[in-house]
Amino acid sequence: MRRSSVENEDVVSRIDQLRQVPAAVRFLSCEPLLGPLPNLDLTGIAWVIVDGESGHGARPMAADWATDIRDQCLAANVPFFFKQWGGRTPKAQGASLTAGCGMRCHIGFV
């Protein structure tokens, strides 16, 4: 199993690098998500994790960044896992991320 951390568009090329690694399972770790990722190529990706930054001085994550990644995962039939908003965003917002996803979207707060 191999993963690649892709936190914003500046490092989206890591996805192509991940595809070159021989592995049975490849997943994206979009954590901490620090910017929008509007055009992900999820070919060959088994699942995607999204997480906000936490701790003192955590940078905010916009809800539409996470929602857009969820929608891209749904369109590509790639499982989506949302861990946390991070920072001071209320956890209750996370429930809307799994609406209509069925078994392909999961949510867990840490």
PDB file of N, CA and C in Angstrom:
ATOM      1  N   MET A   1       0.853  -1.170   0.000  1.00  0.00           N
ATOM      2  CA  MET A   1       0.000   0.000   0.000  1.00  0.00           C
ATOM      3  C   MET A   1       0.898   1.231   0.000  1.00  0.00           C
ATOM      4  N   ARG A   2       0.571   2.172  -0.854  1.00  0.00           N
ATOM      5  CA  ARG A   2       1.321   3.431  -0.945  1.00  0.00           C
ATOM      6  C   ARG A   2       0.354   4.595  -0.905  1.00  0.00           C
ATOM      7  N   ARG A   3       0.807   5.691  -0.303  1.00  0.00           N
ATOM      8  CA  ARG A   3      -0.014   6.890  -0.251  1.00  0.00           C
ATOM      9  C   ARG A   3       0.799   8.083  -0.687  1.00  0.00           C
ATOM     10  N   SER A   4       0.093   9.104  -1.077  1.00  0.00           N
ATOM     11  CA  SER A   4       0.726  10.365  -1.417  1.00  0.00           C
ATOM     12  C   SER A   4      -0.063  11.471  -0.744  1.00  0.00           C
ATOM     13  N   SER A   5       0.645  12.409  -0.154  1.00  0.00           N
ATOM     14  CA  SER A   5      -0.007  13.547   0.480  1.00  0.00           C
ATOM     15  C   SER A   5      -0.116  14.676  -0.535  1.00  0.00           C
ATOM     16  N   VAL A   6      -1.348  15.115  -0.768  1.00  0.00           N
ATOM     17  CA  VAL A   6      -1.621  16.189  -1.725  1.00  0.00           C
ATOM     18  C   VAL A   6      -2.497  17.202  -1.007  1.00  0.00           C
ATOM     19  N   GLU A   7      -1.874  18.285  -0.542  1.00  0.00           N
ATOM     20  CA  GLU A   7      -2.602  19.255   0.270  1.00  0.00           C
ATOM     21  C   GLU A   7      -3.099  20.474  -0.486  1.00  0.00           C
ATOM     22  N   ASN A   8      -2.547  20.720  -1.684  1.00  0.00           N
ATOM     23  CA  ASN A   8      -3.019  21.826  -2.522  1.00  0.00           C
ATOM     24  C   ASN A   8      -2.551  21.603  -3.953  1.00  0.00           C
ATOM     25  N   GLU A   9      -2.929  22.509  -4.856  1.00  0.00           N
ATOM     26  CA  GLU A   9      -2.615  22.329  -6.275  1.00  0.00           C
ATOM     27  C   GLU A   9      -1.120  22.377  -6.576  1.00  0.00           C
ATOM     28  N   ASP A  10      -0.329  22.985  -5.711  1.00  0.00           N
ATOM     29  CA  ASP A  10       1.106  23.075  -5.943  1.00  0.00           C
ATOM     30  C   ASP A  10       1.776  21.700  -5.991  1.00  0.00           C
ATOM     31  N   VAL A  11       1.160  20.702  -5.365  1.00  0.00           N
ATOM     32  CA  VAL A  11       1.788  19.378  -5.277  1.00  0.00           C
ATOM     33  C   VAL A  11       0.931  18.277  -5.904  1.00  0.00           C
ATOM     34  N   VAL A  12      -0.011  18.641  -6.749  1.00  0.00           N
ATOM     35  CA  VAL A  12      -0.890  17.648  -7.371  1.00  0.00           C
ATOM     36  C   VAL A  12      -0.109  16.681  -8.267  1.00  0.00           C
ATOM     37  N   SER A  13       1.078  17.063  -8.698  1.00  0.00           N
ATOM     38  CA  SER A  13       1.910  16.167  -9.515  1.00  0.00           C
ATOM     39  C   SER A  13       2.314  14.909  -8.743  1.00  0.00           C
ATOM     40  N   ARG A  14       2.215  14.946  -7.434  1.00  0.00           N
ATOM     41  CA  ARG A  14       2.523  13.760  -6.625  1.00  0.00           C
ATOM     42  C   ARG A  14       1.596  12.585  -6.962  1.00  0.00           C
ATOM     43  N   ILE A  15       0.409  12.882  -7.472  1.00  0.00           N
ATOM     44  CA  ILE A  15      -0.521  11.812  -7.839  1.00  0.00           C
ATOM     45  C   ILE A  15       0.063  11.004  -9.002  1.00  0.00           C
ATOM     46  N   ASP A  16       0.615  11.683  -9.987  1.00  0.00           N
ATOM     47  CA  ASP A  16       1.246  10.978 -11.106  1.00  0.00           C
ATOM     48  C   ASP A  16       2.443  10.158 -10.625  1.00  0.00           C
ATOM     49  N   GLN A  17       3.208  10.714  -9.704  1.00  0.00           N
ATOM     50  CA  GLN A  17       4.346   9.982  -9.144  1.00  0.00           C
ATOM     51  C   GLN A  17       3.867   8.735  -8.395  1.00  0.00           C
ATOM     52  N   LEU A  18       2.759   8.862  -7.682  1.00  0.00           N
ATOM     53  CA  LEU A  18       2.202   7.727  -6.950  1.00  0.00           C
ATOM     54  C   LEU A  18       1.812   6.601  -7.904  1.00  0.00           C
ATOM     55  N   ARG A  19       1.239   6.949  -9.043  1.00  0.00           N
ATOM     56  CA  ARG A  19       0.834   5.934 -10.015  1.00  0.00           C
ATOM     57  C   ARG A  19       2.014   5.125 -10.548  1.00  0.00           C
ATOM     58  N   GLN A  20       3.200   5.694 -10.505  1.00  0.00           N
ATOM     59  CA  GLN A  20       4.397   5.015 -11.011  1.00  0.00           C
ATOM     60  C   GLN A  20       4.975   4.009 -10.015  1.00  0.00           C
ATOM     61  N   VAL A  21       4.541   4.084  -8.753  1.00  0.00           N
ATOM     62  CA  VAL A  21       5.056   3.193  -7.713  1.00  0.00           C
ATOM     63  C   VAL A  21       4.318   1.862  -7.781  1.00  0.00           C
ATOM     64  N   PRO A  22       5.054   0.753  -7.844  1.00  0.00           N
ATOM     65  CA  PRO A  22       4.384  -0.548  -7.854  1.00  0.00           C
ATOM     66  C   PRO A  22       3.764  -0.831  -6.488  1.00  0.00           C
ATOM     67  N   ALA A  23       2.456  -0.875  -6.451  1.00  0.00           N
ATOM     68  CA  ALA A  23       1.739  -1.140  -5.208  1.00  0.00           C
ATOM     69  C   ALA A  23       0.371  -1.712  -5.535  1.00  0.00           C
ATOM     70  N   ALA A  24      -0.129  -2.562  -4.663  1.00  0.00           N
ATOM     71  CA  ALA A  24      -1.461  -3.142  -4.867  1.00  0.00           C
ATOM     72  C   ALA A  24      -2.548  -2.105  -4.602  1.00  0.00           C
ATOM     73  N   VAL A  25      -2.300  -1.179  -3.655  1.00  0.00           N
ATOM     74  CA  VAL A  25      -3.286  -0.174  -3.277  1.00  0.00           C
ATOM     75  C   VAL A  25      -2.591   1.185  -3.209  1.00  0.00           C
ATOM     76  N   ARG A  26      -3.208   2.170  -3.848  1.00  0.00           N
ATOM     77  CA  ARG A  26      -2.703   3.544  -3.805  1.00  0.00           C
ATOM     78  C   ARG A  26      -3.816   4.448  -3.298  1.00  0.00           C
ATOM     79  N   PHE A  27      -3.472   5.314  -2.336  1.00  0.00           N
ATOM     80  CA  PHE A  27      -4.492   6.243  -1.855  1.00  0.00           C
ATOM     81  C   PHE A  27      -3.913   7.627  -1.659  1.00  0.00           C
ATOM     82  N   LEU A  28      -4.796   8.624  -1.759  1.00  0.00           N
ATOM     83  CA  LEU A  28      -4.414  10.010  -1.547  1.00  0.00           C
ATOM     84  C   LEU A  28      -4.761  10.434  -0.141  1.00  0.00           C
ATOM     85  N   SER A  29      -3.846  11.147   0.447  1.00  0.00           N
ATOM     86  CA  SER A  29      -4.040  11.725   1.759  1.00  0.00           C
ATOM     87  C   SER A  29      -4.047  13.238   1.569  1.00  0.00           C
ATOM     88  N   CYS A  30      -5.225  13.814   1.468  1.00  0.00           N
ATOM     89  CA  CYS A  30      -5.352  15.263   1.288  1.00  0.00           C
ATOM     90  C   CYS A  30      -5.466  15.885   2.675  1.00  0.00           C
ATOM     91  N   GLU A  31      -4.347  15.830   3.381  1.00  0.00           N
ATOM     92  CA  GLU A  31      -4.326  16.296   4.751  1.00  0.00           C
ATOM     93  C   GLU A  31      -2.952  16.829   5.125  1.00  0.00           C
ATOM     94  N   PRO A  32      -2.935  17.990   5.708  1.00  0.00           N
ATOM     95  CA  PRO A  32      -4.090  18.865   5.853  1.00  0.00           C
ATOM     96  C   PRO A  32      -4.436  19.507   4.510  1.00  0.00           C
ATOM     97  N   LEU A  33      -5.701  19.579   4.212  1.00  0.00           N
ATOM     98  CA  LEU A  33      -6.156  20.192   2.968  1.00  0.00           C
ATOM     99  C   LEU A  33      -6.018  21.709   3.114  1.00  0.00           C
ATOM    100  N   LEU A  34      -5.144  22.293   2.292  1.00  0.00           N
ATOM    101  CA  LEU A  34      -4.820  23.716   2.429  1.00  0.00           C
ATOM    102  C   LEU A  34      -5.271  24.562   1.242  1.00  0.00           C
ATOM    103  N   GLY A  35      -5.935  23.931   0.296  1.00  0.00           N
ATOM    104  CA  GLY A  35      -6.421  24.669  -0.866  1.00  0.00           C
ATOM    105  C   GLY A  35      -7.310  23.772  -1.700  1.00  0.00           C
ATOM    106  N   PRO A  36      -7.994  24.341  -2.670  1.00  0.00           N
ATOM    107  CA  PRO A  36      -8.884  23.546  -3.512  1.00  0.00           C
ATOM    108  C   PRO A  36      -8.087  22.620  -4.425  1.00  0.00           C
ATOM    109  N   LEU A  37      -8.692  21.486  -4.749  1.00  0.00           N
ATOM    110  CA  LEU A  37      -8.131  20.520  -5.697  1.00  0.00           C
ATOM    111  C   LEU A  37      -9.219  20.198  -6.714  1.00  0.00           C
ATOM    112  N   PRO A  38      -9.477  21.127  -7.626  1.00  0.00           N
ATOM    113  CA  PRO A  38     -10.661  21.012  -8.480  1.00  0.00           C
ATOM    114  C   PRO A  38     -10.598  19.982  -9.603  1.00  0.00           C
ATOM    115  N   ASN A  39      -9.432  19.542 -10.013  1.00  0.00           N
ATOM    116  CA  ASN A  39      -9.345  18.666 -11.187  1.00  0.00           C
ATOM    117  C   ASN A  39      -8.495  17.434 -10.907  1.00  0.00           C
ATOM    118  N   LEU A  40      -8.862  16.681  -9.917  1.00  0.00           N
ATOM    119  CA  LEU A  40      -8.092  15.489  -9.569  1.00  0.00           C
ATOM    120  C   LEU A  40      -8.297  14.385 -10.597  1.00  0.00           C
ATOM    121  N   ASP A  41      -7.210  13.772 -11.016  1.00  0.00           N
ATOM    122  CA  ASP A  41      -7.291  12.568 -11.832  1.00  0.00           C
ATOM    123  C   ASP A  41      -7.160  11.404 -10.859  1.00  0.00           C
ATOM    124  N   LEU A  42      -8.258  10.716 -10.605  1.00  0.00           N
ATOM    125  CA  LEU A  42      -8.282   9.643  -9.615  1.00  0.00           C
ATOM    126  C   LEU A  42      -8.079   8.263 -10.235  1.00  0.00           C
ATOM    127  N   THR A  43      -7.620   8.223 -11.468  1.00  0.00           N
ATOM    128  CA  THR A  43      -7.327   6.957 -12.122  1.00  0.00           C
ATOM    129  C   THR A  43      -6.283   6.194 -11.322  1.00  0.00           C
ATOM    130  N   GLY A  44      -6.594   4.945 -10.969  1.00  0.00           N
ATOM    131  CA  GLY A  44      -5.655   4.107 -10.235  1.00  0.00           C
ATOM    132  C   GLY A  44      -5.579   4.387  -8.751  1.00  0.00           C
ATOM    133  N   ILE A  45      -6.430   5.258  -8.251  1.00  0.00           N
ATOM    134  CA  ILE A  45      -6.441   5.594  -6.823  1.00  0.00           C
ATOM    135  C   ILE A  45      -7.556   4.802  -6.150  1.00  0.00           C
ATOM    136  N   ALA A  46      -7.236   4.121  -5.063  1.00  0.00           N
ATOM    137  CA  ALA A  46      -8.194   3.239  -4.392  1.00  0.00           C
ATOM    138  C   ALA A  46      -9.110   3.984  -3.429  1.00  0.00           C
ATOM    139  N   TRP A  47      -8.636   5.050  -2.795  1.00  0.00           N
ATOM    140  CA  TRP A  47      -9.456   5.831  -1.883  1.00  0.00           C
ATOM    141  C   TRP A  47      -8.771   7.148  -1.562  1.00  0.00           C
ATOM    142  N   VAL A  48      -9.547   8.090  -1.021  1.00  0.00           N
ATOM    143  CA  VAL A  48      -9.053   9.433  -0.727  1.00  0.00           C
ATOM    144  C   VAL A  48      -9.454   9.802   0.703  1.00  0.00           C
ATOM    145  N   ILE A  49      -8.501  10.350   1.445  1.00  0.00           N
ATOM    146  CA  ILE A  49      -8.735  10.835   2.805  1.00  0.00           C
ATOM    147  C   ILE A  49      -8.604  12.354   2.782  1.00  0.00           C
ATOM    148  N   VAL A  50      -9.550  13.045   3.431  1.00  0.00           N
ATOM    149  CA  VAL A  50      -9.493  14.506   3.564  1.00  0.00           C
ATOM    150  C   VAL A  50      -9.515  14.847   5.047  1.00  0.00           C
ATOM    151  N   ASP A  51      -8.690  15.822   5.416  1.00  0.00           N
ATOM    152  CA  ASP A  51      -8.537  16.195   6.819  1.00  0.00           C
ATOM    153  C   ASP A  51      -8.122  17.657   6.892  1.00  0.00           C
ATOM    154  N   GLY A  52      -8.654  18.367   7.860  1.00  0.00           N
ATOM    155  CA  GLY A  52      -8.234  19.741   8.105  1.00  0.00           C
ATOM    156  C   GLY A  52      -7.050  19.770   9.053  1.00  0.00           C
ATOM    157  N   GLU A  53      -6.367  20.876   9.053  1.00  0.00           N
ATOM    158  CA  GLU A  53      -5.213  21.032   9.931  1.00  0.00           C
ATOM    159  C   GLU A  53      -5.681  21.327  11.348  1.00  0.00           C
ATOM    160  N   SER A  54      -4.996  20.749  12.320  1.00  0.00           N
ATOM    161  CA  SER A  54      -5.369  20.983  13.713  1.00  0.00           C
ATOM    162  C   SER A  54      -4.160  21.498  14.481  1.00  0.00           C
ATOM    163  N   GLY A  55      -4.403  21.875  15.699  1.00  0.00           N
ATOM    164  CA  GLY A  55      -3.323  22.373  16.540  1.00  0.00           C
ATOM    165  C   GLY A  55      -3.254  23.888  16.520  1.00  0.00           C
ATOM    166  N   HIS A  56      -2.376  24.410  17.357  1.00  0.00           N
ATOM    167  CA  HIS A  56      -2.197  25.858  17.470  1.00  0.00           C
ATOM    168  C   HIS A  56      -1.771  26.437  16.120  1.00  0.00           C
ATOM    169  N   GLY A  57      -2.456  27.454  15.673  1.00  0.00           N
ATOM    170  CA  GLY A  57      -2.123  28.102  14.413  1.00  0.00           C
ATOM    171  C   GLY A  57      -2.606  27.358  13.183  1.00  0.00           C
ATOM    172  N   ALA A  58      -3.559  26.451  13.362  1.00  0.00           N
ATOM    173  CA  ALA A  58      -4.075  25.676  12.232  1.00  0.00           C
ATOM    174  C   ALA A  58      -4.647  26.603  11.172  1.00  0.00           C
ATOM    175  N   ARG A  59      -4.304  26.314   9.930  1.00  0.00           N
ATOM    176  CA  ARG A  59      -4.848  27.075   8.809  1.00  0.00           C
ATOM    177  C   ARG A  59      -6.236  26.540   8.476  1.00  0.00           C
ATOM    178  N   PRO A  60      -7.161  27.410   8.102  1.00  0.00           N
ATOM    179  CA  PRO A  60      -8.539  26.967   7.863  1.00  0.00           C
ATOM    180  C   PRO A  60      -8.684  26.161   6.573  1.00  0.00           C
ATOM    181  N   MET A  61      -9.687  25.295   6.570  1.00  0.00           N
ATOM    182  CA  MET A  61     -10.061  24.535   5.389  1.00  0.00           C
ATOM    183  C   MET A  61     -11.479  24.952   5.002  1.00  0.00           C
ATOM    184  N   ALA A  62     -11.667  25.319   3.765  1.00  0.00           N
ATOM    185  CA  ALA A  62     -13.000  25.709   3.294  1.00  0.00           C
ATOM    186  C   ALA A  62     -13.850  24.464   3.061  1.00  0.00           C
ATOM    187  N   ALA A  63     -15.107  24.542   3.447  1.00  0.00           N
ATOM    188  CA  ALA A  63     -16.019  23.412   3.291  1.00  0.00           C
ATOM    189  C   ALA A  63     -16.162  23.009   1.825  1.00  0.00           C
ATOM    190  N   ASP A  64     -16.158  23.977   0.911  1.00  0.00           N
ATOM    191  CA  ASP A  64     -16.336  23.625  -0.503  1.00  0.00           C
ATOM    192  C   ASP A  64     -15.125  22.876  -1.063  1.00  0.00           C
ATOM    193  N   TRP A  65     -13.948  23.020  -0.483  1.00  0.00           N
ATOM    194  CA  TRP A  65     -12.794  22.237  -0.935  1.00  0.00           C
ATOM    195  C   TRP A  65     -13.043  20.758  -0.670  1.00  0.00           C
ATOM    196  N   ALA A  66     -13.514  20.455   0.545  1.00  0.00           N
ATOM    197  CA  ALA A  66     -13.779  19.059   0.915  1.00  0.00           C
ATOM    198  C   ALA A  66     -14.964  18.502   0.122  1.00  0.00           C
ATOM    199  N   THR A  67     -15.997  19.291  -0.033  1.00  0.00           N
ATOM    200  CA  THR A  67     -17.176  18.849  -0.771  1.00  0.00           C
ATOM    201  C   THR A  67     -16.834  18.564  -2.231  1.00  0.00           C
ATOM    202  N   ASP A  68     -16.007  19.400  -2.825  1.00  0.00           N
ATOM    203  CA  ASP A  68     -15.613  19.189  -4.213  1.00  0.00           C
ATOM    204  C   ASP A  68     -14.824  17.883  -4.365  1.00  0.00           C
ATOM    205  N   ILE A  69     -13.928  17.601  -3.454  1.00  0.00           N
ATOM    206  CA  ILE A  69     -13.177  16.341  -3.516  1.00  0.00           C
ATOM    207  C   ILE A  69     -14.127  15.163  -3.347  1.00  0.00           C
ATOM    208  N   ARG A  70     -15.067  15.284  -2.416  1.00  0.00           N
ATOM    209  CA  ARG A  70     -16.071  14.226  -2.252  1.00  0.00           C
ATOM    210  C   ARG A  70     -16.824  13.980  -3.552  1.00  0.00           C
ATOM    211  N   ASP A  71     -17.246  15.044  -4.202  1.00  0.00           N
ATOM    212  CA  ASP A  71     -17.997  14.913  -5.460  1.00  0.00           C
ATOM    213  C   ASP A  71     -17.145  14.274  -6.559  1.00  0.00           C
ATOM    214  N   GLN A  72     -15.870  14.631  -6.610  1.00  0.00           N
ATOM    215  CA  GLN A  72     -14.979  14.015  -7.590  1.00  0.00           C
ATOM    216  C   GLN A  72     -14.809  12.522  -7.309  1.00  0.00           C
ATOM    217  N   CYS A  73     -14.716  12.172  -6.034  1.00  0.00           N
ATOM    218  CA  CYS A  73     -14.611  10.754  -5.653  1.00  0.00           C
ATOM    219  C   CYS A  73     -15.865   9.997  -6.070  1.00  0.00           C
ATOM    220  N   LEU A  74     -17.019  10.570  -5.810  1.00  0.00           N
ATOM    221  CA  LEU A  74     -18.270   9.924  -6.196  1.00  0.00           C
ATOM    222  C   LEU A  74     -18.333   9.716  -7.708  1.00  0.00           C
ATOM    223  N   ALA A  75     -17.942  10.729  -8.472  1.00  0.00           N
ATOM    224  CA  ALA A  75     -17.983  10.625  -9.932  1.00  0.00           C
ATOM    225  C   ALA A  75     -17.025   9.554 -10.451  1.00  0.00           C
ATOM    226  N   ALA A  76     -15.907   9.359  -9.748  1.00  0.00           N
ATOM    227  CA  ALA A  76     -14.905   8.374 -10.170  1.00  0.00           C
ATOM    228  C   ALA A  76     -15.092   7.025  -9.481  1.00  0.00           C
ATOM    229  N   ASN A  77     -16.126   6.924  -8.632  1.00  0.00           N
ATOM    230  CA  ASN A  77     -16.394   5.703  -7.864  1.00  0.00           C
ATOM    231  C   ASN A  77     -15.197   5.311  -6.983  1.00  0.00           C
ATOM    232  N   VAL A  78     -14.621   6.330  -6.339  1.00  0.00           N
ATOM    233  CA  VAL A  78     -13.493   6.150  -5.427  1.00  0.00           C
ATOM    234  C   VAL A  78     -13.979   6.447  -4.013  1.00  0.00           C
ATOM    235  N   PRO A  79     -13.781   5.535  -3.063  1.00  0.00           N
ATOM    236  CA  PRO A  79     -14.207   5.788  -1.689  1.00  0.00           C
ATOM    237  C   PRO A  79     -13.557   7.053  -1.112  1.00  0.00           C
ATOM    238  N   PHE A  80     -14.344   7.770  -0.309  1.00  0.00           N
ATOM    239  CA  PHE A  80     -13.953   9.042   0.292  1.00  0.00           C
ATOM    240  C   PHE A  80     -14.060   8.914   1.800  1.00  0.00           C
ATOM    241  N   PHE A  81     -13.024   9.342   2.512  1.00  0.00           N
ATOM    242  CA  PHE A  81     -13.064   9.333   3.976  1.00  0.00           C
ATOM    243  C   PHE A  81     -12.711  10.722   4.475  1.00  0.00           C
ATOM    244  N   PHE A  82     -13.600  11.296   5.265  1.00  0.00           N
ATOM    245  CA  PHE A  82     -13.382  12.621   5.850  1.00  0.00           C
ATOM    246  C   PHE A  82     -13.059  12.444   7.319  1.00  0.00           C
ATOM    247  N   LYS A  83     -11.900  12.932   7.754  1.00  0.00           N
ATOM    248  CA  LYS A  83     -11.473  12.750   9.139  1.00  0.00           C
ATOM    249  C   LYS A  83     -11.947  13.872  10.054  1.00  0.00           C
ATOM    250  N   GLN A  84     -11.602  15.105   9.733  1.00  0.00           N
ATOM    251  CA  GLN A  84     -11.961  16.215  10.618  1.00  0.00           C
ATOM    252  C   GLN A  84     -11.827  17.543   9.886  1.00  0.00           C
ATOM    253  N   TRP A  85     -12.516  18.541  10.407  1.00  0.00           N
ATOM    254  CA  TRP A  85     -12.380  19.884   9.854  1.00  0.00           C
ATOM    255  C   TRP A  85     -11.086  20.525  10.305  1.00  0.00           C
ATOM    256  N   GLY A  86     -10.642  20.222  11.495  1.00  0.00           N
ATOM    257  CA  GLY A  86      -9.469  20.883  12.046  1.00  0.00           C
ATOM    258  C   GLY A  86      -9.815  22.274  12.519  1.00  0.00           C
ATOM    259  N   GLY A  87      -8.844  22.978  13.041  1.00  0.00           N
ATOM    260  CA  GLY A  87      -9.066  24.344  13.500  1.00  0.00           C
ATOM    261  C   GLY A  87     -10.259  24.452  14.432  1.00  0.00           C
ATOM    262  N   ARG A  88     -11.101  25.439  14.192  1.00  0.00           N
ATOM    263  CA  ARG A  88     -12.250  25.689  15.050  1.00  0.00           C
ATOM    264  C   ARG A  88     -13.585  25.490  14.344  1.00  0.00           C
ATOM    265  N   THR A  89     -13.583  24.786  13.221  1.00  0.00           N
ATOM    266  CA  THR A  89     -14.816  24.551  12.484  1.00  0.00           C
ATOM    267  C   THR A  89     -15.671  23.530  13.230  1.00  0.00           C
ATOM    268  N   PRO A  90     -16.948  23.793  13.423  1.00  0.00           N
ATOM    269  CA  PRO A  90     -17.808  22.840  14.123  1.00  0.00           C
ATOM    270  C   PRO A  90     -17.865  21.485  13.429  1.00  0.00           C
ATOM    271  N   LYS A  91     -17.766  20.426  14.196  1.00  0.00           N
ATOM    272  CA  LYS A  91     -17.797  19.072  13.663  1.00  0.00           C
ATOM    273  C   LYS A  91     -19.118  18.735  12.982  1.00  0.00           C
ATOM    274  N   ALA A  92     -20.194  19.372  13.361  1.00  0.00           N
ATOM    275  CA  ALA A  92     -21.502  19.049  12.797  1.00  0.00           C
ATOM    276  C   ALA A  92     -21.542  19.257  11.289  1.00  0.00           C
ATOM    277  N   GLN A  93     -20.696  20.123  10.756  1.00  0.00           N
ATOM    278  CA  GLN A  93     -20.693  20.357   9.310  1.00  0.00           C
ATOM    279  C   GLN A  93     -20.296  19.111   8.550  1.00  0.00           C
ATOM    280  N   GLY A  94     -19.535  18.230   9.146  1.00  0.00           N
ATOM    281  CA  GLY A  94     -19.066  17.036   8.468  1.00  0.00           C
ATOM    282  C   GLY A  94     -20.180  16.110   8.036  1.00  0.00           C
ATOM    283  N   ALA A  95     -21.294  16.122   8.731  1.00  0.00           N
ATOM    284  CA  ALA A  95     -22.396  15.235   8.380  1.00  0.00           C
ATOM    285  C   ALA A  95     -22.875  15.484   6.956  1.00  0.00           C
ATOM    286  N   SER A  96     -22.842  16.732   6.494  1.00  0.00           N
ATOM    287  CA  SER A  96     -23.308  17.028   5.144  1.00  0.00           C
ATOM    288  C   SER A  96     -22.380  16.444   4.078  1.00  0.00           C
ATOM    289  N   LEU A  97     -21.156  16.130   4.433  1.00  0.00           N
ATOM    290  CA  LEU A  97     -20.222  15.566   3.458  1.00  0.00           C
ATOM    291  C   LEU A  97     -20.591  14.154   3.042  1.00  0.00           C
ATOM    292  N   THR A  98     -21.336  13.445   3.861  1.00  0.00           N
ATOM    293  CA  THR A  98     -21.681  12.070   3.521  1.00  0.00           C
ATOM    294  C   THR A  98     -23.100  11.936   2.981  1.00  0.00           C
ATOM    295  N   ALA A  99     -23.819  13.029   2.852  1.00  0.00           N
ATOM    296  CA  ALA A  99     -25.189  12.959   2.348  1.00  0.00           C
ATOM    297  C   ALA A  99     -25.211  12.400   0.935  1.00  0.00           C
ATOM    298  N   GLY A 100     -25.981  11.348   0.737  1.00  0.00           N
ATOM    299  CA  GLY A 100     -26.149  10.751  -0.571  1.00  0.00           C
ATOM    300  C   GLY A 100     -24.989   9.901  -1.060  1.00  0.00           C
ATOM    301  N   CYS A 101     -24.031   9.619  -0.202  1.00  0.00           N
ATOM    302  CA  CYS A 101     -22.843   8.870  -0.624  1.00  0.00           C
ATOM    303  C   CYS A 101     -22.994   7.368  -0.473  1.00  0.00           C
ATOM    304  N   GLY A 102     -23.918   6.914   0.327  1.00  0.00           N
ATOM    305  CA  GLY A 102     -24.025   5.482   0.577  1.00  0.00           C
ATOM    306  C   GLY A 102     -22.779   4.956   1.243  1.00  0.00           C
ATOM    307  N   MET A 103     -22.322   3.795   0.807  1.00  0.00           N
ATOM    308  CA  MET A 103     -21.161   3.171   1.425  1.00  0.00           C
ATOM    309  C   MET A 103     -19.830   3.697   0.890  1.00  0.00           C
ATOM    310  N   ARG A 104     -19.864   4.617  -0.058  1.00  0.00           N
ATOM    311  CA  ARG A 104     -18.611   5.117  -0.638  1.00  0.00           C
ATOM    312  C   ARG A 104     -18.030   6.289   0.131  1.00  0.00           C
ATOM    313  N   CYS A 105     -18.760   6.865   1.081  1.00  0.00           N
ATOM    314  CA  CYS A 105     -18.258   7.983   1.875  1.00  0.00           C
ATOM    315  C   CYS A 105     -18.337   7.624   3.346  1.00  0.00           C
ATOM    316  N   HIS A 106     -17.287   7.944   4.038  1.00  0.00           N
ATOM    317  CA  HIS A 106     -17.251   7.676   5.469  1.00  0.00           C
ATOM    318  C   HIS A 106     -16.776   8.926   6.175  1.00  0.00           C
ATOM    319  N   ILE A 107     -17.188   9.057   7.416  1.00  0.00           N
ATOM    320  CA  ILE A 107     -16.792  10.214   8.190  1.00  0.00           C
ATOM    321  C   ILE A 107     -16.376   9.753   9.581  1.00  0.00           C
ATOM    322  N   GLY A 108     -15.313  10.289  10.063  1.00  0.00           N
ATOM    323  CA  GLY A 108     -14.849   9.963  11.397  1.00  0.00           C
ATOM    324  C   GLY A 108     -14.113  11.143  11.954  1.00  0.00           C
ATOM    325  N   PHE A 109     -14.384  11.488  13.176  1.00  0.00           N
ATOM    326  CA  PHE A 109     -13.730  12.641  13.778  1.00  0.00           C
ATOM    327  C   PHE A 109     -12.696  12.169  14.769  1.00  0.00           C
ATOM    328  N   VAL A 110     -11.548  12.834  14.733  1.00  0.00           N
ATOM    329  CA  VAL A 110     -10.476  12.510  15.670  1.00  0.00           C
ATOM    330  C   VAL A 110     -10.231  13.691  16.573  1.00  0.00           C
TER     331      VAL A 110
END
